[in-house]
């Protein structure tokens, strides 16, 4: 079978496009400028029905307008640069050195996003008649609330994919699942007094410290799954409340990041923490944290931070098709893996039950790190694999 080929001018255009994306800061809820640039590129490569929806997602499509639908799904937001001084490269310089493109979001996941658009262009330029639709969806706020953007796109924009491919970094391997995620807010309560006489009151920070120790013990006792690995628990934030710095605080808040493996759920995770509170005999409560914000379009968001684990069967037809497409274009058989982080699959596979796999350029461990980068040859290769998969499923 003949390999698909990205012509030199398309490779040049793809690099110019992904460098533009990296140069445009796009932290969650601030994606408008990068969304406009994506619209421009989608229209230039000939996608139809290019649109920005209510929450700010960008989508475009090609195909017959009937039959099955394959969605190539990427997020266009990034985390923020926490410490510019830790970068040797300019986080928004989009520098290319030795075949690597450096910059915030280059790996997670503007390289994969660009590859999806140019994979669609390869399909279009092949002249093949599609018996279904190929949709490229670029969604918002994944870094803060995974699944949110895709949920709005599917449930409000009437895009109903039969298969979803996520372009998060997999190092050109095939991911078939991930652990879930849950954020909990735990608050301890005590009695505030002047710090000159602390014995007259109770210190909410001390109560919280006892719970932190109990949670550290709990973290070593969580469930595990043969494929996804163990559940995890980490205290990721702490803040106290008092009317002055010379007053013993009457409340202290802990933020808990809980990764859920298969067999774990919200009820189980909350009950485990409640047992720690009961054992330490402190006045405290724990609840699922809320995510409340407004998108760049003005769309109000108010949801709970619970995201399910998901796995697609190793012998599912979509897994086999992706492996076949990748093997054809890469000339080797990719590994089957799972992600350590969370993705839009929490909605597509975890809630909506849509067959979902992951395949993308870049290494997972490079995401959210100083001097984040992606190998351009892998971006080109990913574009070819996306096109090959679309032709297999829809051609």
Protein backbone atom coordinates (compact mmCIF):
# COMPACT_ATOMS: atom_id res chain seq x y z
CA UNK A 1 0.00 0.00 0.00
CA UNK A 2 1.43 3.36 -1.06
CA UNK A 3 2.34 5.75 1.74
CA UNK A 4 0.56 9.07 1.96
CA UNK A 5 2.86 12.03 1.33
CA UNK A 6 2.78 15.56 2.66
CA UNK A 7 4.09 17.72 -0.18
CA UNK A 8 6.90 20.12 0.67
CA UNK A 9 4.60 23.14 0.52
CA UNK A 10 2.15 21.49 2.92
CA UNK A 11 4.94 20.68 5.35
CA UNK A 12 6.04 24.29 5.21
CA UNK A 13 2.48 25.53 5.72
CA UNK A 14 1.94 23.09 8.59
CA UNK A 15 5.09 24.34 10.37
CA UNK A 16 4.09 27.97 9.81
CA UNK A 17 0.65 27.21 11.23
CA UNK A 18 1.82 25.39 14.35
CA UNK A 19 4.40 28.11 15.02
CA UNK A 20 1.60 30.69 14.83
CA UNK A 21 -0.41 28.63 17.32
CA UNK A 22 2.51 28.46 19.77
CA UNK A 23 3.18 32.20 19.47
CA UNK A 24 -0.41 32.95 20.53
CA UNK A 25 -0.89 32.52 24.30
CA UNK A 26 -4.09 30.56 24.91
CA UNK A 27 -4.57 29.69 28.58
CA UNK A 28 -7.98 28.27 29.44
CA UNK A 29 -10.84 30.80 28.92
CA UNK A 30 -8.49 33.00 26.84
CA UNK A 31 -8.52 31.05 23.58
CA UNK A 32 -10.22 33.61 21.30
CA UNK A 33 -7.16 34.69 19.33
CA UNK A 34 -5.96 31.15 18.70
CA UNK A 35 -9.52 30.11 17.78
CA UNK A 36 -9.64 32.82 15.12
CA UNK A 37 -6.33 31.60 13.71
CA UNK A 38 -7.66 28.03 13.55
CA UNK A 39 -10.79 29.22 11.72
CA UNK A 40 -8.54 30.93 9.18
CA UNK A 41 -6.53 27.74 8.59
CA UNK A 42 -9.59 25.48 8.39
CA UNK A 43 -11.10 27.71 5.73
CA UNK A 44 -7.81 27.86 3.81
CA UNK A 45 -7.51 24.07 3.61
CA UNK A 46 -11.12 23.72 2.45
CA UNK A 47 -13.09 22.40 5.42
CA UNK A 48 -16.85 23.07 5.30
CA UNK A 49 -19.18 24.46 7.96
CA UNK A 50 -16.31 26.04 9.88
CA UNK A 51 -17.81 27.58 13.00
CA UNK A 52 -17.22 28.74 16.55
CA UNK A 53 -19.90 27.45 18.90
CA UNK A 54 -21.43 28.91 22.06
CA UNK A 55 -18.54 28.05 24.39
CA UNK A 56 -15.83 28.87 21.84
CA UNK A 57 -14.97 25.51 20.27
CA UNK A 58 -13.92 25.56 16.61
CA UNK A 59 -15.05 22.81 14.25
CA UNK A 60 -15.01 22.09 10.54
CA UNK A 61 -15.88 19.09 8.42
CA UNK A 62 -15.64 17.36 5.10
CA UNK A 63 -17.46 14.42 3.59
CA UNK A 64 -20.78 13.24 2.25
CA UNK A 65 -22.99 14.72 4.95
CA UNK A 66 -24.41 11.27 5.67
CA UNK A 67 -23.09 8.01 7.02
CA UNK A 68 -20.70 7.56 9.96
CA UNK A 69 -18.66 10.37 11.49
CA UNK A 70 -15.04 10.33 12.62
CA UNK A 71 -14.04 13.17 14.95
CA UNK A 72 -10.41 14.23 15.27
CA UNK A 73 -10.39 16.04 18.62
CA UNK A 74 -7.76 18.47 19.94
CA UNK A 75 -7.78 21.14 22.63
CA UNK A 76 -6.45 24.60 21.88
CA UNK A 77 -5.89 25.84 25.42
CA UNK A 78 -2.68 25.47 27.44
CA UNK A 79 -1.59 25.82 31.03
CA UNK A 80 0.06 29.10 32.01
CA UNK A 81 3.81 29.66 32.15
CA UNK A 82 4.46 29.49 35.90
CA UNK A 83 8.17 30.41 35.85
CA UNK A 84 9.52 31.97 32.64
CA UNK A 85 13.01 31.92 34.15
CA UNK A 86 13.02 28.10 34.06
CA UNK A 87 12.79 28.15 30.26
CA UNK A 88 15.93 28.31 28.13
CA UNK A 89 13.75 28.99 25.08
CA UNK A 90 11.13 31.74 24.80
CA UNK A 91 7.85 30.00 25.78
CA UNK A 92 6.10 31.85 22.94
CA UNK A 93 9.00 32.09 20.52
CA UNK A 94 8.14 28.92 18.56
CA UNK A 95 11.86 28.32 18.04
CA UNK A 96 12.84 25.43 15.77
CA UNK A 97 16.20 23.76 16.50
CA UNK A 98 17.42 20.38 15.23
CA UNK A 99 13.94 19.43 14.06
CA UNK A 100 12.29 20.26 17.42
CA UNK A 101 9.68 22.99 17.85
CA UNK A 102 9.86 24.60 21.29
CA UNK A 103 7.15 26.53 23.09
CA UNK A 104 4.21 26.44 25.45
CA UNK A 105 1.64 24.00 24.11
CA UNK A 106 3.87 22.68 21.32
CA UNK A 107 3.55 19.12 22.68
CA UNK A 108 0.28 19.54 24.61
CA UNK A 109 -1.18 19.82 22.09
CA UNK A 110 -0.81 22.37 19.33
CA UNK A 111 1.44 20.03 17.35
CA UNK A 112 -1.29 17.38 17.37
CA UNK A 113 -3.95 19.96 16.53
CA UNK A 114 -2.02 21.15 13.48
CA UNK A 115 -1.43 17.56 12.40
CA UNK A 116 -5.18 16.89 12.51
CA UNK A 117 -5.95 19.82 10.22
CA UNK A 118 -3.29 18.78 7.74
CA UNK A 119 -4.41 15.16 7.98
CA UNK A 120 -7.83 16.40 6.86
CA UNK A 121 -6.15 18.29 4.03
CA UNK A 122 -4.38 15.09 2.94
CA UNK A 123 -7.76 13.35 2.77
CA UNK A 124 -9.22 16.21 0.74
CA UNK A 125 -6.26 16.34 -1.64
CA UNK A 126 -6.33 12.55 -2.15
CA UNK A 127 -9.58 12.97 -4.12
CA UNK A 128 -11.12 10.01 -2.30
CA UNK A 129 -14.88 9.99 -1.94
CA UNK A 130 -15.90 9.71 1.69
CA UNK A 131 -18.94 7.68 2.70
CA UNK A 132 -19.26 9.64 5.91
CA UNK A 133 -17.99 12.81 7.57
CA UNK A 134 -14.60 13.76 8.96
CA UNK A 135 -14.91 16.41 11.70
CA UNK A 136 -11.96 18.29 13.14
CA UNK A 137 -12.89 19.68 16.56
CA UNK A 138 -10.67 22.10 18.50
CA UNK A 139 -12.07 22.54 21.98
CA UNK A 140 -11.66 24.94 24.90
CA UNK A 141 -10.78 24.64 28.59
CA UNK A 142 -9.48 21.08 28.55
CA UNK A 143 -6.62 21.96 30.88
CA UNK A 144 -9.07 23.12 33.55
CA UNK A 145 -12.16 20.97 32.93
CA UNK A 146 -11.55 18.07 30.57
CA UNK A 147 -14.57 16.97 28.58
CA UNK A 148 -16.41 20.27 28.97
CA UNK A 149 -15.77 21.65 25.51
CA UNK A 150 -16.53 18.37 23.74
CA UNK A 151 -19.73 17.94 25.77
CA UNK A 152 -21.01 21.32 24.57
CA UNK A 153 -19.99 20.56 20.99
CA UNK A 154 -21.75 17.17 20.94
CA UNK A 155 -24.83 18.03 22.97
CA UNK A 156 -25.52 21.55 21.74
CA UNK A 157 -24.01 21.72 18.25
CA UNK A 158 -25.48 18.39 17.09
CA UNK A 159 -22.16 16.80 16.18
CA UNK A 160 -22.59 13.06 16.76
CA UNK A 161 -19.35 11.12 16.14
CA UNK A 162 -19.26 7.37 15.77
CA UNK A 163 -15.54 7.35 16.59
CA UNK A 164 -13.22 9.84 18.29
CA UNK A 165 -9.46 10.13 18.00
CA UNK A 166 -7.76 12.34 20.59
CA UNK A 167 -4.51 13.98 19.49
CA UNK A 168 -2.94 14.27 22.94
CA UNK A 169 0.74 13.24 23.01
CA UNK A 170 1.30 9.47 22.82
CA UNK A 171 4.74 9.43 21.14
CA UNK A 172 2.96 8.00 18.07
CA UNK A 173 1.63 5.05 20.06
CA UNK A 174 -2.04 4.18 20.53
CA UNK A 175 -3.65 5.00 23.87
CA UNK A 176 -6.82 3.16 24.79
CA UNK A 177 -7.68 4.67 28.16
CA UNK A 178 -6.84 6.71 31.23
CA UNK A 179 -7.59 6.97 34.91
CA UNK A 180 -10.35 9.31 35.99
CA UNK A 181 -9.88 12.46 38.03
CA UNK A 182 -11.69 14.02 40.94
CA UNK A 183 -10.96 17.21 42.85
CA UNK A 184 -12.12 17.41 46.45
CA UNK A 185 -12.36 20.37 48.81
CA UNK A 186 -11.89 19.58 52.49
CA UNK A 187 -12.49 22.28 55.12
CA UNK A 188 -11.61 22.03 58.81
CA UNK A 189 -13.33 24.21 61.42
CA UNK A 190 -12.00 25.39 64.80
CA UNK A 191 -12.27 28.25 67.30
CA UNK A 192 -10.47 31.50 66.56
CA UNK A 193 -8.62 33.39 69.32
CA UNK A 194 -5.81 35.91 69.60
CA UNK A 195 -2.50 34.25 68.72
CA UNK A 196 -1.05 35.57 71.99
CA UNK A 197 -3.28 33.02 73.82
CA UNK A 198 -3.57 30.05 71.45
CA UNK A 199 -4.49 27.61 74.24
CA UNK A 200 -7.85 29.36 74.57
CA UNK A 201 -8.91 28.32 71.07
CA UNK A 202 -8.48 25.59 68.48
CA UNK A 203 -6.28 25.89 65.41
CA UNK A 204 -7.85 24.82 62.13
CA UNK A 205 -4.41 24.42 60.57
CA UNK A 206 -3.43 21.88 63.21
CA UNK A 207 -6.64 19.96 62.49
CA UNK A 208 -5.78 20.05 58.79
CA UNK A 209 -2.24 18.84 59.48
CA UNK A 210 -3.58 15.75 61.21
CA UNK A 211 -5.78 15.07 58.20
CA UNK A 212 -2.88 15.56 55.78
CA UNK A 213 -0.97 12.86 57.65
CA UNK A 214 -4.01 10.56 57.49
CA UNK A 215 -4.44 11.24 53.77
CA UNK A 216 -0.79 10.42 53.16
CA UNK A 217 -1.39 7.02 54.75
CA UNK A 218 -4.60 6.55 52.72
CA UNK A 219 -2.69 7.24 49.49
CA UNK A 220 -0.77 3.97 49.94
CA UNK A 221 -3.97 1.94 50.34
CA UNK A 222 -5.88 2.74 47.14
CA UNK A 223 -7.10 0.34 44.49
CA UNK A 224 -5.22 -0.63 41.35
CA UNK A 225 -5.96 -1.90 37.85
CA UNK A 226 -3.73 -4.18 35.78
CA UNK A 227 -3.85 -1.84 32.76
CA UNK A 228 -4.44 1.67 34.14
CA UNK A 229 -2.39 1.23 37.30
CA UNK A 230 -3.16 2.46 40.82
CA UNK A 231 -5.44 5.20 42.00
CA UNK A 232 -3.57 8.10 43.57
CA UNK A 233 -4.25 10.87 46.06
CA UNK A 234 -2.33 14.09 46.58
CA UNK A 235 -2.99 17.21 48.65
CA UNK A 236 -2.30 20.00 46.16
CA UNK A 237 -3.46 23.13 47.98
CA UNK A 238 -3.85 24.54 51.47
CA UNK A 239 -5.25 27.88 52.67
CA UNK A 240 -6.42 29.14 56.07
CA UNK A 241 -8.91 31.81 57.06
CA UNK A 242 -8.53 34.32 59.92
CA UNK A 243 -9.24 38.01 60.38
CA UNK A 244 -5.57 38.78 60.99
CA UNK A 245 -2.16 37.12 60.90
CA UNK A 246 -2.00 37.37 64.68
CA UNK A 247 -5.23 35.37 65.08
CA UNK A 248 -5.54 31.59 65.27
CA UNK A 249 -7.45 30.56 62.10
CA UNK A 250 -10.96 29.22 62.42
CA UNK A 251 -10.95 27.34 59.11
CA UNK A 252 -8.45 25.69 56.80
CA UNK A 253 -9.07 24.38 53.28
CA UNK A 254 -7.30 21.49 51.61
CA UNK A 255 -7.53 20.71 47.89
CA UNK A 256 -7.18 17.01 47.09
CA UNK A 257 -6.35 15.64 43.64
CA UNK A 258 -7.67 12.07 43.40
CA UNK A 259 -6.96 9.91 40.35
CA UNK A 260 -9.52 7.14 39.95
CA UNK A 261 -8.56 3.80 38.47
CA UNK A 262 -11.12 1.29 37.22
CA UNK A 263 -13.35 0.12 40.07
CA UNK A 264 -13.14 3.47 41.89
CA UNK A 265 -15.78 6.18 41.79
CA UNK A 266 -16.89 9.40 43.45
CA UNK A 267 -18.81 7.70 46.26
CA UNK A 268 -15.90 5.44 47.19
CA UNK A 269 -13.35 8.26 47.08
CA UNK A 270 -15.42 10.56 49.29
CA UNK A 271 -16.13 7.78 51.80
CA UNK A 272 -12.40 7.04 52.14
CA UNK A 273 -11.65 10.66 53.06
CA UNK A 274 -14.66 10.83 55.39
CA UNK A 275 -13.27 7.84 57.28
CA UNK A 276 -9.97 9.68 57.77
CA UNK A 277 -11.90 12.67 59.17
CA UNK A 278 -13.85 10.41 61.52
CA UNK A 279 -10.71 8.60 62.70
CA UNK A 280 -8.95 11.88 63.52
CA UNK A 281 -12.12 13.18 65.22
CA UNK A 282 -11.89 16.72 63.85
CA UNK A 283 -14.65 19.08 62.75
CA UNK A 284 -14.39 18.97 58.96
CA UNK A 285 -16.30 18.14 55.80
CA UNK A 286 -15.29 17.11 52.32
CA UNK A 287 -17.08 17.67 49.02
CA UNK A 288 -16.47 17.56 45.30
CA UNK A 289 -14.96 20.85 44.15
CA UNK A 290 -16.82 23.02 41.68
CA UNK A 291 -15.56 24.53 38.44
CA UNK A 292 -17.12 27.90 37.73
CA UNK A 293 -15.96 30.29 35.04
CA UNK A 294 -16.97 32.14 31.89
CA UNK A 295 -15.57 31.27 28.46
CA UNK A 296 -14.14 33.88 26.11
CA UNK A 297 -17.51 33.92 24.35
CA UNK A 298 -19.37 34.74 27.57
CA UNK A 299 -20.67 31.19 28.09
CA UNK A 300 -21.14 30.55 31.82
CA UNK A 301 -19.82 27.27 33.22
CA UNK A 302 -20.82 25.72 36.55
CA UNK A 303 -19.96 22.04 36.95
CA UNK A 304 -18.48 19.51 39.36
CA UNK A 305 -14.90 18.28 39.14
CA UNK A 306 -15.52 14.56 38.64
CA UNK A 307 -14.20 12.79 35.55
CA UNK A 308 -14.55 9.02 35.05
CA UNK A 309 -11.87 6.51 34.13
CA UNK A 310 -12.32 4.81 30.75
CA UNK A 311 -10.80 2.01 28.71
CA UNK A 312 -11.64 0.75 25.24
CA UNK A 313 -11.10 -2.97 24.62
CA UNK A 314 -7.73 -3.91 23.14
CA UNK A 315 -9.48 -5.77 20.30
CA UNK A 316 -12.03 -3.04 19.53
CA UNK A 317 -12.31 -2.32 15.77
CA UNK A 318 -11.26 1.32 16.32
CA UNK A 319 -8.09 0.22 18.14
CA UNK A 320 -7.30 -2.25 15.35
CA UNK A 321 -7.99 0.33 12.65
CA UNK A 322 -5.72 2.89 14.35
CA UNK A 323 -2.95 0.35 14.77
CA UNK A 324 -3.28 -0.63 11.12
CA UNK A 325 -3.21 3.00 9.92
CA UNK A 326 -0.19 3.78 12.06
CA UNK A 327 1.67 0.64 11.04
CA UNK A 328 1.05 1.40 7.36
CA UNK A 329 2.40 4.94 7.60
CA UNK A 330 5.12 4.48 10.23
CA UNK A 331 6.37 1.09 8.96
CA UNK A 332 6.31 -0.35 12.47
CA UNK A 333 3.57 -1.45 14.84
CA UNK A 334 2.93 1.09 17.62
CA UNK A 335 2.63 0.11 21.26
CA UNK A 336 -0.73 0.08 23.02
CA UNK A 337 -0.57 2.40 26.02
CA UNK A 338 -2.68 4.40 28.43
CA UNK A 339 -2.29 8.03 29.49
CA UNK A 340 -1.21 9.07 32.96
CA UNK A 341 -3.13 12.33 32.63
CA UNK A 342 -6.78 13.08 31.86
CA UNK A 343 -8.29 13.91 28.46
CA UNK A 344 -11.50 14.74 26.62
CA UNK A 345 -12.12 11.00 26.63
CA UNK A 346 -13.70 11.37 30.08
CA UNK A 347 -16.74 12.67 28.18
CA UNK A 348 -16.56 10.90 24.82
CA UNK A 349 -15.79 7.42 26.20
CA UNK A 350 -16.48 7.77 29.92
CA UNK A 351 -19.90 9.40 29.67
CA UNK A 352 -21.17 9.34 26.08
CA UNK A 353 -19.92 5.81 25.35
CA UNK A 354 -18.35 6.80 22.01
CA UNK A 355 -15.45 4.54 20.94
CA UNK A 356 -12.33 6.63 21.60
CA UNK A 357 -8.60 6.18 21.15
CA UNK A 358 -5.59 8.43 21.45
CA UNK A 359 -2.82 9.00 18.94
CA UNK A 360 -0.59 12.03 18.75
CA UNK A 361 2.92 13.43 18.32
CA UNK A 362 5.00 14.36 21.35
CA UNK A 363 5.92 12.62 24.58
CA UNK A 364 3.53 12.72 27.53
CA UNK A 365 6.33 13.52 29.98
CA UNK A 366 7.19 16.67 27.98
CA UNK A 367 3.79 18.29 28.60
CA UNK A 368 3.60 21.13 31.14
CA UNK A 369 7.40 21.34 31.45
CA UNK A 370 9.95 24.10 30.80
CA UNK A 371 11.21 23.99 27.20
CA UNK A 372 8.22 21.91 26.11
CA UNK A 373 8.77 20.73 22.55
CA UNK A 374 7.58 18.42 19.81
CA UNK A 375 9.46 16.70 17.01
CA UNK A 376 8.30 18.08 13.66
CA UNK A 377 8.86 14.78 11.85
CA UNK A 378 6.39 13.24 14.31
CA UNK A 379 3.85 15.98 13.55
CA UNK A 380 4.13 15.16 9.83
CA UNK A 381 3.80 11.45 10.58
CA UNK A 382 0.72 12.00 12.75
CA UNK A 383 -0.95 13.94 9.93
CA UNK A 384 -0.42 10.98 7.60
CA UNK A 385 -1.80 8.51 10.15
CA UNK A 386 -4.92 10.63 10.76
CA UNK A 387 -5.52 10.76 7.03
CA UNK A 388 -4.95 7.03 6.60
CA UNK A 389 -7.37 6.23 9.43
CA UNK A 390 -10.03 8.51 7.97
CA UNK A 391 -9.69 6.84 4.58
CA UNK A 392 -9.94 3.38 6.19
CA UNK A 393 -13.05 4.21 8.21
CA UNK A 394 -14.84 6.52 5.77
CA UNK A 395 -13.37 5.88 2.35
